[in-house]
């Protein structure tokens, strides 16, 4: 199952909005086939693992065990049910990390295997598998994307200078941030961050897919010369306006929101309807605080620099959370905070 989780990571971003599942076929303690979920619309982990079995080993499938991080699907989507394929190959033992909360599956895959006289073991490394699939599980259960907050702050708790720009964290953190961007489907910033920092919000210092760029621009005051409007990658602008610019670059779209109410649930609902299961929020301080105050977040990743400013814009503060991990990144510290861990994949 550890190997399943390891290879599942390889397909994480490309598979979305499908969960990136890892599957391993074992015969007498020897791996004879393995695979992960392919890019959305492609093969799931189980058929990929089966396809990777060497022809001379195919006769061993009847005596093999299939390990898989998530319950095999039991319904027709873009591909046929994986449970049916496992049954067709006469695999008699399946070990599953965690069950699939999708109402189209939700135990049906397990029952189908059991009805075909397949031995099914459920719950091996369950917490690890649920953590790996947390974006998918959270989206299914709450009908909202998984929200990750990210910021850097000084040792004395400041987020940004009162005017202009000033870098807090070290260069290593930039590559880490770009890796994070490659792992999420969307990235969100507020008006001031877009205006002052003029970010590209791409993964140019890493590799992989660029996230969909989300920008809040209530009154459409941002300059079209900003990198976010370059048309090279999809950008969605949230605004109160109902009349949108007619001459815009490719990949630019607009979405009206009701700014007389809290816009964050509106944004999350919009993203859910677009099959976007995760969003990385990179600022600014007001936007990050809004997510915290609205209790609409799941993880917070905080870089702490080695500087003391004594004045500036205060960094966001999370009062009720659990420290998940802490590590040194050069002369900086990275803290990952979570809402109550048991809440990450619950209905609460």
C-alpha atoms as a PDB file:
ATOM      1  CA  UNK A   1       0.000   0.000   0.000  1.00  0.00           C
ATOM      2  CA  UNK A   2       2.954   2.318   0.609  1.00  0.00           C
ATOM      3  CA  UNK A   3       3.988   1.703  -2.989  1.00  0.00           C
ATOM      4  CA  UNK A   4       0.420   2.444  -4.109  1.00  0.00           C
ATOM      5  CA  UNK A   5       0.580   5.813  -2.369  1.00  0.00           C
ATOM      6  CA  UNK A   6       4.001   6.527  -3.828  1.00  0.00           C
ATOM      7  CA  UNK A   7       2.915   6.007  -7.431  1.00  0.00           C
ATOM      8  CA  UNK A   8      -0.448   7.690  -6.845  1.00  0.00           C
ATOM      9  CA  UNK A   9       1.433  10.956  -6.271  1.00  0.00           C
ATOM     10  CA  UNK A  10       2.694  10.829  -9.863  1.00  0.00           C
ATOM     11  CA  UNK A  11      -0.754  11.342 -11.308  1.00  0.00           C
ATOM     12  CA  UNK A  12      -2.218  13.673  -8.705  1.00  0.00           C
ATOM     13  CA  UNK A  13      -2.662  16.937 -10.618  1.00  0.00           C
ATOM     14  CA  UNK A  14      -3.314  15.545 -14.094  1.00  0.00           C
ATOM     15  CA  UNK A  15      -6.004  13.150 -12.875  1.00  0.00           C
ATOM     16  CA  UNK A  16      -8.187  15.881 -11.332  1.00  0.00           C
ATOM     17  CA  UNK A  17     -11.092  16.060 -10.873  1.00  0.00           C
ATOM     18  CA  UNK A  18     -10.742  12.277 -10.660  1.00  0.00           C
ATOM     19  CA  UNK A  19      -8.848  11.043  -7.596  1.00  0.00           C
ATOM     20  CA  UNK A  20      -5.295   9.977  -8.372  1.00  0.00           C
ATOM     21  CA  UNK A  21      -5.374   6.345  -7.298  1.00  0.00           C
ATOM     22  CA  UNK A  22      -2.387   4.023  -7.049  1.00  0.00           C
ATOM     23  CA  UNK A  23      -2.704   0.298  -7.805  1.00  0.00           C
ATOM     24  CA  UNK A  24      -0.196  -2.541  -7.409  1.00  0.00           C
ATOM     25  CA  UNK A  25      -0.568  -6.198  -8.419  1.00  0.00           C
ATOM     26  CA  UNK A  26       1.436  -8.667  -6.323  1.00  0.00           C
ATOM     27  CA  UNK A  27       2.080 -12.385  -6.787  1.00  0.00           C
ATOM     28  CA  UNK A  28       4.066 -14.261  -4.145  1.00  0.00           C
ATOM     29  CA  UNK A  29       5.537 -11.004  -2.805  1.00  0.00           C
ATOM     30  CA  UNK A  30       6.614  -9.867  -6.278  1.00  0.00           C
ATOM     31  CA  UNK A  31       5.101  -6.848  -8.000  1.00  0.00           C
ATOM     32  CA  UNK A  32       3.933  -7.912 -11.457  1.00  0.00           C
ATOM     33  CA  UNK A  33       2.110  -4.712 -12.416  1.00  0.00           C
ATOM     34  CA  UNK A  34       1.416  -1.224 -11.126  1.00  0.00           C
ATOM     35  CA  UNK A  35      -0.101   2.039 -12.273  1.00  0.00           C
ATOM     36  CA  UNK A  36      -1.811   5.277 -11.322  1.00  0.00           C
ATOM     37  CA  UNK A  37      -4.810   7.174 -12.643  1.00  0.00           C
ATOM     38  CA  UNK A  38      -4.025   8.782 -15.971  1.00  0.00           C
ATOM     39  CA  UNK A  39      -4.896  12.325 -17.056  1.00  0.00           C
ATOM     40  CA  UNK A  40      -8.607  13.127 -16.742  1.00  0.00           C
ATOM     41  CA  UNK A  41     -10.595  11.075 -19.231  1.00  0.00           C
ATOM     42  CA  UNK A  42      -7.895   8.413 -19.410  1.00  0.00           C
ATOM     43  CA  UNK A  43      -7.546   5.031 -17.755  1.00  0.00           C
ATOM     44  CA  UNK A  44      -7.949   4.563 -14.025  1.00  0.00           C
ATOM     45  CA  UNK A  45      -5.276   2.986 -11.845  1.00  0.00           C
ATOM     46  CA  UNK A  46      -6.569  -0.601 -12.005  1.00  0.00           C
ATOM     47  CA  UNK A  47      -6.624  -0.945 -15.825  1.00  0.00           C
ATOM     48  CA  UNK A  48      -3.281   0.868 -15.988  1.00  0.00           C
ATOM     49  CA  UNK A  49      -1.722  -1.619 -13.576  1.00  0.00           C
ATOM     50  CA  UNK A  50      -3.229  -4.545 -15.507  1.00  0.00           C
ATOM     51  CA  UNK A  51      -1.957  -3.165 -18.798  1.00  0.00           C
ATOM     52  CA  UNK A  52       1.540  -2.994 -17.321  1.00  0.00           C
ATOM     53  CA  UNK A  53       1.624  -6.709 -16.466  1.00  0.00           C
ATOM     54  CA  UNK A  54       4.148  -8.498 -18.676  1.00  0.00           C
ATOM     55  CA  UNK A  55       2.485 -11.019 -21.033  1.00  0.00           C
ATOM     56  CA  UNK A  56       4.344 -13.927 -19.404  1.00  0.00           C
ATOM     57  CA  UNK A  57       2.919 -12.916 -16.007  1.00  0.00           C
ATOM     58  CA  UNK A  58      -0.708 -12.583 -17.047  1.00  0.00           C
ATOM     59  CA  UNK A  59      -1.365 -16.207 -16.137  1.00  0.00           C
ATOM     60  CA  UNK A  60      -0.539 -15.255 -12.532  1.00  0.00           C
ATOM     61  CA  UNK A  61      -3.433 -12.786 -12.169  1.00  0.00           C
ATOM     62  CA  UNK A  62      -5.808 -15.440 -10.801  1.00  0.00           C
ATOM     63  CA  UNK A  63      -3.414 -15.922  -7.879  1.00  0.00           C
ATOM     64  CA  UNK A  64      -2.442 -12.266  -7.456  1.00  0.00           C
ATOM     65  CA  UNK A  65      -3.527  -9.640  -4.939  1.00  0.00           C
ATOM     66  CA  UNK A  66      -4.546  -6.178  -6.072  1.00  0.00           C
ATOM     67  CA  UNK A  67      -3.633  -3.336  -3.707  1.00  0.00           C
ATOM     68  CA  UNK A  68      -5.399  -0.032  -4.365  1.00  0.00           C
ATOM     69  CA  UNK A  69      -5.586   3.245  -2.432  1.00  0.00           C
ATOM     70  CA  UNK A  70      -9.299   3.835  -3.107  1.00  0.00           C
ATOM     71  CA  UNK A  71     -12.288   1.563  -3.575  1.00  0.00           C
ATOM     72  CA  UNK A  72     -12.595   0.498  -7.248  1.00  0.00           C
ATOM     73  CA  UNK A  73     -15.359   2.367  -9.040  1.00  0.00           C
ATOM     74  CA  UNK A  74     -18.580   0.553  -9.872  1.00  0.00           C
ATOM     75  CA  UNK A  75     -20.215   2.914 -12.371  1.00  0.00           C
ATOM     76  CA  UNK A  76     -19.767   4.018 -15.947  1.00  0.00           C
ATOM     77  CA  UNK A  77     -18.177   7.437 -16.362  1.00  0.00           C
ATOM     78  CA  UNK A  78     -15.582   8.296 -18.958  1.00  0.00           C
ATOM     79  CA  UNK A  79     -14.318   4.733 -18.476  1.00  0.00           C
ATOM     80  CA  UNK A  80     -16.020   1.406 -17.604  1.00  0.00           C
ATOM     81  CA  UNK A  81     -16.268   0.257 -13.958  1.00  0.00           C
ATOM     82  CA  UNK A  82     -12.934  -0.868 -12.550  1.00  0.00           C
ATOM     83  CA  UNK A  83     -14.623  -3.397 -10.248  1.00  0.00           C
ATOM     84  CA  UNK A  84     -15.987  -5.228 -13.298  1.00  0.00           C
ATOM     85  CA  UNK A  85     -12.524  -5.345 -14.859  1.00  0.00           C
ATOM     86  CA  UNK A  86     -11.023  -6.831 -11.688  1.00  0.00           C
ATOM     87  CA  UNK A  87     -13.749  -9.492 -11.678  1.00  0.00           C
ATOM     88  CA  UNK A  88     -13.219 -10.229 -15.372  1.00  0.00           C
ATOM     89  CA  UNK A  89      -9.511 -10.817 -14.745  1.00  0.00           C
ATOM     90  CA  UNK A  90     -10.496 -13.282 -11.971  1.00  0.00           C
ATOM     91  CA  UNK A  91      -8.385 -11.568  -9.321  1.00  0.00           C
ATOM     92  CA  UNK A  92      -9.483 -13.183  -6.084  1.00  0.00           C
ATOM     93  CA  UNK A  93      -8.068 -10.817  -3.467  1.00  0.00           C
ATOM     94  CA  UNK A  94      -8.264  -7.018  -3.307  1.00  0.00           C
ATOM     95  CA  UNK A  95      -6.781  -4.849  -0.542  1.00  0.00           C
ATOM     96  CA  UNK A  96      -8.271  -1.346  -0.363  1.00  0.00           C
ATOM     97  CA  UNK A  97      -6.903   1.668   1.493  1.00  0.00           C
ATOM     98  CA  UNK A  98     -10.127   3.636   1.936  1.00  0.00           C
ATOM     99  CA  UNK A  99     -13.686   3.602   0.683  1.00  0.00           C
ATOM    100  CA  UNK A 100     -14.971   6.004  -1.967  1.00  0.00           C
ATOM    101  CA  UNK A 101     -17.501   8.557  -0.613  1.00  0.00           C
ATOM    102  CA  UNK A 102     -18.870   9.273  -4.084  1.00  0.00           C
ATOM    103  CA  UNK A 103     -22.581   8.295  -3.940  1.00  0.00           C
ATOM    104  CA  UNK A 104     -22.102   6.532  -7.287  1.00  0.00           C
ATOM    105  CA  UNK A 105     -19.654   4.162  -5.563  1.00  0.00           C
ATOM    106  CA  UNK A 106     -19.862   4.336  -1.722  1.00  0.00           C
ATOM    107  CA  UNK A 107     -19.410   0.630  -1.014  1.00  0.00           C
ATOM    108  CA  UNK A 108     -20.913  -0.631  -4.266  1.00  0.00           C
ATOM    109  CA  UNK A 109     -17.496  -1.461  -5.674  1.00  0.00           C
ATOM    110  CA  UNK A 110     -16.675  -3.527  -2.595  1.00  0.00           C
ATOM    111  CA  UNK A 111     -20.033  -5.335  -2.698  1.00  0.00           C
ATOM    112  CA  UNK A 112     -19.652  -6.118  -6.383  1.00  0.00           C
ATOM    113  CA  UNK A 113     -16.252  -7.696  -5.741  1.00  0.00           C
ATOM    114  CA  UNK A 114     -17.565  -9.686  -2.769  1.00  0.00           C
ATOM    115  CA  UNK A 115     -20.546 -10.933  -4.763  1.00  0.00           C
ATOM    116  CA  UNK A 116     -18.060 -12.292  -7.304  1.00  0.00           C
ATOM    117  CA  UNK A 117     -16.378 -14.307  -4.503  1.00  0.00           C
ATOM    118  CA  UNK A 118     -13.431 -11.942  -4.256  1.00  0.00           C
ATOM    119  CA  UNK A 119     -11.798 -11.573  -0.844  1.00  0.00           C
ATOM    120  CA  UNK A 120     -11.807  -7.882   0.052  1.00  0.00           C
ATOM    121  CA  UNK A 121      -9.730  -6.277   2.817  1.00  0.00           C
ATOM    122  CA  UNK A 122     -10.498  -2.620   3.607  1.00  0.00           C
ATOM    123  CA  UNK A 123      -8.677  -0.053   5.712  1.00  0.00           C
ATOM    124  CA  UNK A 124      -4.983  -0.786   5.178  1.00  0.00           C
ATOM    125  CA  UNK A 125      -3.164   2.550   5.772  1.00  0.00           C
ATOM    126  CA  UNK A 126      -6.623   4.133   5.728  1.00  0.00           C
ATOM    127  CA  UNK A 127      -5.566   7.469   7.221  1.00  0.00           C
ATOM    128  CA  UNK A 128      -2.658   7.795   4.794  1.00  0.00           C
ATOM    129  CA  UNK A 129      -4.940   7.016   1.859  1.00  0.00           C
ATOM    130  CA  UNK A 130      -7.593   9.462   3.050  1.00  0.00           C
ATOM    131  CA  UNK A 131      -4.914  12.127   3.433  1.00  0.00           C
ATOM    132  CA  UNK A 132      -3.663  11.504  -0.107  1.00  0.00           C
ATOM    133  CA  UNK A 133      -7.241  11.676  -1.439  1.00  0.00           C
ATOM    134  CA  UNK A 134      -8.273  14.550   0.851  1.00  0.00           C
ATOM    135  CA  UNK A 135      -9.081  17.005  -1.968  1.00  0.00           C
ATOM    136  CA  UNK A 136     -11.382  14.513  -3.695  1.00  0.00           C
ATOM    137  CA  UNK A 137     -13.010  13.318  -0.457  1.00  0.00           C
ATOM    138  CA  UNK A 138     -13.533  16.847   0.872  1.00  0.00           C
ATOM    139  CA  UNK A 139     -15.067  17.997  -2.416  1.00  0.00           C
ATOM    140  CA  UNK A 140     -17.454  15.050  -2.567  1.00  0.00           C
ATOM    141  CA  UNK A 141     -18.574  15.398   1.060  1.00  0.00           C
ATOM    142  CA  UNK A 142     -18.846  19.186   1.353  1.00  0.00           C
ATOM    143  CA  UNK A 143     -19.476  20.228  -2.278  1.00  0.00           C
ATOM    144  CA  UNK A 144     -16.652  22.743  -1.908  1.00  0.00           C
ATOM    145  CA  UNK A 145     -13.036  22.698  -3.047  1.00  0.00           C
ATOM    146  CA  UNK A 146     -10.230  22.008  -0.605  1.00  0.00           C
ATOM    147  CA  UNK A 147      -8.747  25.383   0.430  1.00  0.00           C
ATOM    148  CA  UNK A 148      -5.048  25.849   1.153  1.00  0.00           C
ATOM    149  CA  UNK A 149      -3.872  29.194   2.527  1.00  0.00           C
ATOM    150  CA  UNK A 150      -0.284  30.230   1.933  1.00  0.00           C
ATOM    151  CA  UNK A 151       1.715  33.228   3.125  1.00  0.00           C
ATOM    152  CA  UNK A 152       5.099  34.359   4.433  1.00  0.00           C
ATOM    153  CA  UNK A 153       5.623  36.404   7.573  1.00  0.00           C
ATOM    154  CA  UNK A 154       8.533  37.913   9.474  1.00  0.00           C
ATOM    155  CA  UNK A 155       9.718  36.610  12.820  1.00  0.00           C
ATOM    156  CA  UNK A 156       7.817  39.397  14.508  1.00  0.00           C
ATOM    157  CA  UNK A 157       4.600  38.599  12.650  1.00  0.00           C
ATOM    158  CA  UNK A 158       4.369  41.016   9.700  1.00  0.00           C
ATOM    159  CA  UNK A 159       2.981  40.061   6.320  1.00  0.00           C
ATOM    160  CA  UNK A 160       4.049  42.980   4.121  1.00  0.00           C
ATOM    161  CA  UNK A 161       5.502  46.490   4.423  1.00  0.00           C
ATOM    162  CA  UNK A 162       3.077  49.379   4.747  1.00  0.00           C
ATOM    163  CA  UNK A 163       4.061  50.487   1.241  1.00  0.00           C
ATOM    164  CA  UNK A 164       5.623  48.745  -1.738  1.00  0.00           C
ATOM    165  CA  UNK A 165       7.138  45.259  -1.840  1.00  0.00           C
ATOM    166  CA  UNK A 166       9.696  43.524   0.306  1.00  0.00           C
ATOM    167  CA  UNK A 167      10.694  39.869   0.105  1.00  0.00           C
ATOM    168  CA  UNK A 168      10.422  37.910   3.373  1.00  0.00           C
ATOM    169  CA  UNK A 169      11.324  34.294   2.620  1.00  0.00           C
ATOM    170  CA  UNK A 170      14.434  32.869   0.970  1.00  0.00           C
ATOM    171  CA  UNK A 171      14.777  31.766  -2.707  1.00  0.00           C
ATOM    172  CA  UNK A 172      14.230  28.094  -1.834  1.00  0.00           C
ATOM    173  CA  UNK A 173      10.671  28.855  -0.810  1.00  0.00           C
ATOM    174  CA  UNK A 174       9.863  30.130  -4.301  1.00  0.00           C
ATOM    175  CA  UNK A 175      10.507  26.720  -5.832  1.00  0.00           C
ATOM    176  CA  UNK A 176       8.437  25.070  -3.115  1.00  0.00           C
ATOM    177  CA  UNK A 177       5.577  27.490  -3.775  1.00  0.00           C
ATOM    178  CA  UNK A 178       5.699  26.753  -7.491  1.00  0.00           C
ATOM    179  CA  UNK A 179       5.589  23.022  -6.753  1.00  0.00           C
ATOM    180  CA  UNK A 180       2.495  23.644  -4.631  1.00  0.00           C
ATOM    181  CA  UNK A 181       0.927  25.558  -7.502  1.00  0.00           C
ATOM    182  CA  UNK A 182       1.482  22.568  -9.786  1.00  0.00           C
ATOM    183  CA  UNK A 183      -0.426  20.366  -7.314  1.00  0.00           C
ATOM    184  CA  UNK A 184      -3.619  22.462  -7.143  1.00  0.00           C
ATOM    185  CA  UNK A 185      -6.227  23.174  -9.775  1.00  0.00           C
ATOM    186  CA  UNK A 186      -6.636  26.876  -9.037  1.00  0.00           C
ATOM    187  CA  UNK A 187      -4.870  29.771  -7.350  1.00  0.00           C
ATOM    188  CA  UNK A 188      -6.585  32.870  -5.920  1.00  0.00           C
ATOM    189  CA  UNK A 189      -5.390  36.392  -5.145  1.00  0.00           C
ATOM    190  CA  UNK A 190      -7.086  39.640  -4.201  1.00  0.00           C
ATOM    191  CA  UNK A 191      -7.042  42.989  -5.964  1.00  0.00           C
ATOM    192  CA  UNK A 192      -4.171  44.555  -4.032  1.00  0.00           C
ATOM    193  CA  UNK A 193      -1.902  41.533  -4.498  1.00  0.00           C
ATOM    194  CA  UNK A 194      -2.562  41.576  -8.236  1.00  0.00           C
ATOM    195  CA  UNK A 195      -1.948  45.325  -8.430  1.00  0.00           C
ATOM    196  CA  UNK A 196       1.103  45.665  -6.172  1.00  0.00           C
ATOM    197  CA  UNK A 197       2.937  42.389  -6.839  1.00  0.00           C
ATOM    198  CA  UNK A 198       1.893  41.874 -10.489  1.00  0.00           C
ATOM    199  CA  UNK A 199       2.321  38.091 -10.085  1.00  0.00           C
ATOM    200  CA  UNK A 200       2.225  35.530 -12.885  1.00  0.00           C
ATOM    201  CA  UNK A 201       0.909  32.726 -10.622  1.00  0.00           C
ATOM    202  CA  UNK A 202       2.523  30.063 -12.810  1.00  0.00           C
ATOM    203  CA  UNK A 203       4.810  27.083 -12.147  1.00  0.00           C
ATOM    204  CA  UNK A 204       7.749  28.495 -14.117  1.00  0.00           C
ATOM    205  CA  UNK A 205      10.219  27.500 -11.370  1.00  0.00           C
ATOM    206  CA  UNK A 206       8.885  23.937 -11.277  1.00  0.00           C
ATOM    207  CA  UNK A 207       7.167  21.696 -13.814  1.00  0.00           C
ATOM    208  CA  UNK A 208       3.637  20.468 -14.419  1.00  0.00           C
ATOM    209  CA  UNK A 209       0.328  22.120 -15.174  1.00  0.00           C
ATOM    210  CA  UNK A 210      -0.337  25.753 -14.407  1.00  0.00           C
ATOM    211  CA  UNK A 211      -3.303  26.332 -12.090  1.00  0.00           C
ATOM    212  CA  UNK A 212      -6.308  28.332 -13.223  1.00  0.00           C
ATOM    213  CA  UNK A 213      -5.677  31.890 -12.032  1.00  0.00           C
ATOM    214  CA  UNK A 214      -8.464  33.496  -9.993  1.00  0.00           C
ATOM    215  CA  UNK A 215      -8.518  37.231  -9.327  1.00  0.00           C
ATOM    216  CA  UNK A 216     -10.938  39.295  -7.261  1.00  0.00           C
ATOM    217  CA  UNK A 217     -11.499  42.666  -8.946  1.00  0.00           C
ATOM    218  CA  UNK A 218     -14.724  44.100  -7.566  1.00  0.00           C
ATOM    219  CA  UNK A 219     -14.875  47.199  -9.763  1.00  0.00           C
ATOM    220  CA  UNK A 220     -12.675  46.011 -12.664  1.00  0.00           C
ATOM    221  CA  UNK A 221      -9.983  48.549 -11.891  1.00  0.00           C
ATOM    222  CA  UNK A 222      -6.959  46.332 -12.531  1.00  0.00           C
ATOM    223  CA  UNK A 223      -4.782  47.203 -15.499  1.00  0.00           C
ATOM    224  CA  UNK A 224      -5.048  44.808 -18.473  1.00  0.00           C
ATOM    225  CA  UNK A 225      -1.250  45.104 -18.737  1.00  0.00           C
ATOM    226  CA  UNK A 226      -0.797  42.902 -15.637  1.00  0.00           C
ATOM    227  CA  UNK A 227       0.693  39.445 -16.127  1.00  0.00           C
ATOM    228  CA  UNK A 228      -2.575  37.874 -14.986  1.00  0.00           C
ATOM    229  CA  UNK A 229      -4.250  39.222 -18.120  1.00  0.00           C
ATOM    230  CA  UNK A 230      -1.592  38.012 -20.573  1.00  0.00           C
ATOM    231  CA  UNK A 231      -3.890  35.293 -21.932  1.00  0.00           C
ATOM    232  CA  UNK A 232      -1.171  32.639 -21.713  1.00  0.00           C
ATOM    233  CA  UNK A 233      -3.080  30.659 -19.098  1.00  0.00           C
ATOM    234  CA  UNK A 234      -6.732  30.638 -17.989  1.00  0.00           C
ATOM    235  CA  UNK A 235      -7.690  33.503 -15.678  1.00  0.00           C
ATOM    236  CA  UNK A 236     -11.105  34.089 -14.103  1.00  0.00           C
ATOM    237  CA  UNK A 237     -11.947  37.526 -12.707  1.00  0.00           C
ATOM    238  CA  UNK A 238     -14.601  37.802  -9.995  1.00  0.00           C
ATOM    239  CA  UNK A 239     -16.414  41.148 -10.054  1.00  0.00           C
ATOM    240  CA  UNK A 240     -19.616  42.892  -9.049  1.00  0.00           C
ATOM    241  CA  UNK A 241     -19.915  44.278 -12.563  1.00  0.00           C
ATOM    242  CA  UNK A 242     -22.376  42.728 -14.977  1.00  0.00           C
ATOM    243  CA  UNK A 243     -20.940  44.393 -18.077  1.00  0.00           C
ATOM    244  CA  UNK A 244     -17.582  42.871 -18.922  1.00  0.00           C
ATOM    245  CA  UNK A 245     -14.828  44.155 -21.257  1.00  0.00           C
ATOM    246  CA  UNK A 246     -15.469  43.243 -24.867  1.00  0.00           C
ATOM    247  CA  UNK A 247     -11.853  43.220 -26.017  1.00  0.00           C
ATOM    248  CA  UNK A 248      -9.985  40.733 -23.873  1.00  0.00           C
ATOM    249  CA  UNK A 249      -7.092  38.334 -24.327  1.00  0.00           C
ATOM    250  CA  UNK A 250      -7.722  34.614 -24.845  1.00  0.00           C
ATOM    251  CA  UNK A 251      -8.241  32.491 -21.727  1.00  0.00           C
ATOM    252  CA  UNK A 252      -9.771  35.426 -19.810  1.00  0.00           C
ATOM    253  CA  UNK A 253     -13.287  35.131 -18.412  1.00  0.00           C
ATOM    254  CA  UNK A 254     -15.420  37.039 -15.910  1.00  0.00           C
ATOM    255  CA  UNK A 255     -17.823  35.906 -13.210  1.00  0.00           C
ATOM    256  CA  UNK A 256     -20.328  38.167 -11.474  1.00  0.00           C
ATOM    257  CA  UNK A 257     -20.633  37.940  -7.675  1.00  0.00           C
ATOM    258  CA  UNK A 258     -22.951  39.578  -5.170  1.00  0.00           C
ATOM    259  CA  UNK A 259     -20.543  41.712  -3.127  1.00  0.00           C
ATOM    260  CA  UNK A 260     -23.320  42.739  -0.720  1.00  0.00           C
ATOM    261  CA  UNK A 261     -22.856  39.266   0.765  1.00  0.00           C
ATOM    262  CA  UNK A 262     -19.829  37.169   1.669  1.00  0.00           C
ATOM    263  CA  UNK A 263     -18.251  36.381  -1.696  1.00  0.00           C
ATOM    264  CA  UNK A 264     -16.140  33.446  -0.502  1.00  0.00           C
ATOM    265  CA  UNK A 265     -18.975  30.863  -0.434  1.00  0.00           C
ATOM    266  CA  UNK A 266     -19.984  32.140  -3.873  1.00  0.00           C
ATOM    267  CA  UNK A 267     -16.461  31.619  -5.200  1.00  0.00           C
ATOM    268  CA  UNK A 268     -16.192  28.141  -3.689  1.00  0.00           C
ATOM    269  CA  UNK A 269     -19.582  27.158  -5.084  1.00  0.00           C
ATOM    270  CA  UNK A 270     -18.565  28.430  -8.523  1.00  0.00           C
ATOM    271  CA  UNK A 271     -15.343  26.404  -8.386  1.00  0.00           C
ATOM    272  CA  UNK A 272     -17.203  23.275  -7.289  1.00  0.00           C
ATOM    273  CA  UNK A 273     -19.593  23.641 -10.210  1.00  0.00           C
ATOM    274  CA  UNK A 274     -16.526  23.874 -12.472  1.00  0.00           C
ATOM    275  CA  UNK A 275     -15.144  20.601 -11.075  1.00  0.00           C
ATOM    276  CA  UNK A 276     -12.248  22.436  -9.405  1.00  0.00           C
ATOM    277  CA  UNK A 277     -11.493  20.487  -6.233  1.00  0.00           C
ATOM    278  CA  UNK A 278      -8.642  22.511  -4.767  1.00  0.00           C
ATOM    279  CA  UNK A 279      -7.545  26.133  -4.571  1.00  0.00           C
ATOM    280  CA  UNK A 280      -4.360  27.724  -3.254  1.00  0.00           C
ATOM    281  CA  UNK A 281      -4.964  31.178  -1.755  1.00  0.00           C
ATOM    282  CA  UNK A 282      -1.816  33.324  -1.972  1.00  0.00           C
ATOM    283  CA  UNK A 283      -3.047  36.643  -0.643  1.00  0.00           C
ATOM    284  CA  UNK A 284      -3.267  39.336   0.307  1.00  0.00           C
ATOM    285  CA  UNK A 285      -3.682  39.611   4.030  1.00  0.00           C
ATOM    286  CA  UNK A 286      -7.304  40.775   3.851  1.00  0.00           C
ATOM    287  CA  UNK A 287      -8.332  37.863   1.633  1.00  0.00           C
ATOM    288  CA  UNK A 288      -6.496  35.319   3.778  1.00  0.00           C
ATOM    289  CA  UNK A 289      -8.089  36.722   6.932  1.00  0.00           C
ATOM    290  CA  UNK A 290     -11.506  36.532   5.288  1.00  0.00           C
ATOM    291  CA  UNK A 291     -11.079  32.803   4.660  1.00  0.00           C
ATOM    292  CA  UNK A 292      -9.942  32.301   8.262  1.00  0.00           C
ATOM    293  CA  UNK A 293     -12.785  34.356   9.742  1.00  0.00           C
ATOM    294  CA  UNK A 294     -15.326  32.570   7.519  1.00  0.00           C
ATOM    295  CA  UNK A 295     -13.877  29.201   8.584  1.00  0.00           C
ATOM    296  CA  UNK A 296     -13.552  28.287   4.911  1.00  0.00           C
ATOM    297  CA  UNK A 297     -10.095  26.766   4.859  1.00  0.00           C
ATOM    298  CA  UNK A 298      -8.448  23.376   5.332  1.00  0.00           C
ATOM    299  CA  UNK A 299      -4.679  23.906   5.405  1.00  0.00           C
ATOM    300  CA  UNK A 300      -2.417  26.880   6.059  1.00  0.00           C
ATOM    301  CA  UNK A 301       1.196  26.800   4.891  1.00  0.00           C
ATOM    302  CA  UNK A 302       3.240  29.540   6.523  1.00  0.00           C
ATOM    303  CA  UNK A 303       6.824  30.498   5.765  1.00  0.00           C
ATOM    304  CA  UNK A 304       8.509  32.333   8.643  1.00  0.00           C
ATOM    305  CA  UNK A 305      11.513  34.417   7.601  1.00  0.00           C
ATOM    306  CA  UNK A 306      14.491  35.440   9.716  1.00  0.00           C
ATOM    307  CA  UNK A 307      13.739  39.155   9.638  1.00  0.00           C
ATOM    308  CA  UNK A 308      12.367  41.565  12.240  1.00  0.00           C
ATOM    309  CA  UNK A 309      10.525  44.556  10.753  1.00  0.00           C
ATOM    310  CA  UNK A 310       8.939  46.084  13.861  1.00  0.00           C
ATOM    311  CA  UNK A 311       6.199  47.555  11.686  1.00  0.00           C
ATOM    312  CA  UNK A 312       4.121  46.637   8.664  1.00  0.00           C
ATOM    313  CA  UNK A 313       0.868  44.870   7.763  1.00  0.00           C
ATOM    314  CA  UNK A 314       0.185  42.187  10.402  1.00  0.00           C
ATOM    315  CA  UNK A 315       0.211  38.597   9.186  1.00  0.00           C
ATOM    316  CA  UNK A 316      -3.017  36.562   9.362  1.00  0.00           C
ATOM    317  CA  UNK A 317      -3.572  34.712  12.619  1.00  0.00           C
ATOM    318  CA  UNK A 318      -5.189  31.329  13.078  1.00  0.00           C
ATOM    319  CA  UNK A 319      -6.398  30.759  16.615  1.00  0.00           C
ATOM    320  CA  UNK A 320      -7.973  27.310  16.355  1.00  0.00           C
ATOM    321  CA  UNK A 321      -5.823  24.860  14.427  1.00  0.00           C
ATOM    322  CA  UNK A 322      -3.419  21.980  14.811  1.00  0.00           C
ATOM    323  CA  UNK A 323       0.257  22.094  13.941  1.00  0.00           C
ATOM    324  CA  UNK A 324       0.652  19.353  11.341  1.00  0.00           C
ATOM    325  CA  UNK A 325       4.341  19.775  10.549  1.00  0.00           C
ATOM    326  CA  UNK A 326       7.276  22.119  11.006  1.00  0.00           C
ATOM    327  CA  UNK A 327      10.575  22.079   9.127  1.00  0.00           C
ATOM    328  CA  UNK A 328      13.534  24.298   8.312  1.00  0.00           C
ATOM    329  CA  UNK A 329      13.884  25.603   4.756  1.00  0.00           C
ATOM    330  CA  UNK A 330      17.373  27.087   4.824  1.00  0.00           C
ATOM    331  CA  UNK A 331      17.189  29.977   7.283  1.00  0.00           C
ATOM    332  CA  UNK A 332      13.365  29.966   7.151  1.00  0.00           C
ATOM    333  CA  UNK A 333      10.761  27.804   8.869  1.00  0.00           C
ATOM    334  CA  UNK A 334       7.750  26.223   7.182  1.00  0.00           C
ATOM    335  CA  UNK A 335       4.745  25.517   9.383  1.00  0.00           C
ATOM    336  CA  UNK A 336       1.714  23.617   8.115  1.00  0.00           C
ATOM    337  CA  UNK A 337      -1.444  24.176  10.138  1.00  0.00           C
ATOM    338  CA  UNK A 338      -4.669  22.220   9.808  1.00  0.00           C
ATOM    339  CA  UNK A 339      -8.182  22.595  10.971  1.00  0.00           C
ATOM    340  CA  UNK A 340      -9.037  19.705  13.253  1.00  0.00           C
ATOM    341  CA  UNK A 341      -7.621  16.720  11.382  1.00  0.00           C
ATOM    342  CA  UNK A 342     -10.788  14.691  11.795  1.00  0.00           C
ATOM    343  CA  UNK A 343     -12.711  17.502  10.100  1.00  0.00           C
ATOM    344  CA  UNK A 344     -10.706  17.423   6.871  1.00  0.00           C
ATOM    345  CA  UNK A 345     -12.740  14.658   5.277  1.00  0.00           C
ATOM    346  CA  UNK A 346     -15.889  14.893   7.386  1.00  0.00           C
ATOM    347  CA  UNK A 347     -19.220  16.521   6.639  1.00  0.00           C
ATOM    348  CA  UNK A 348     -18.645  19.182   9.325  1.00  0.00           C
END
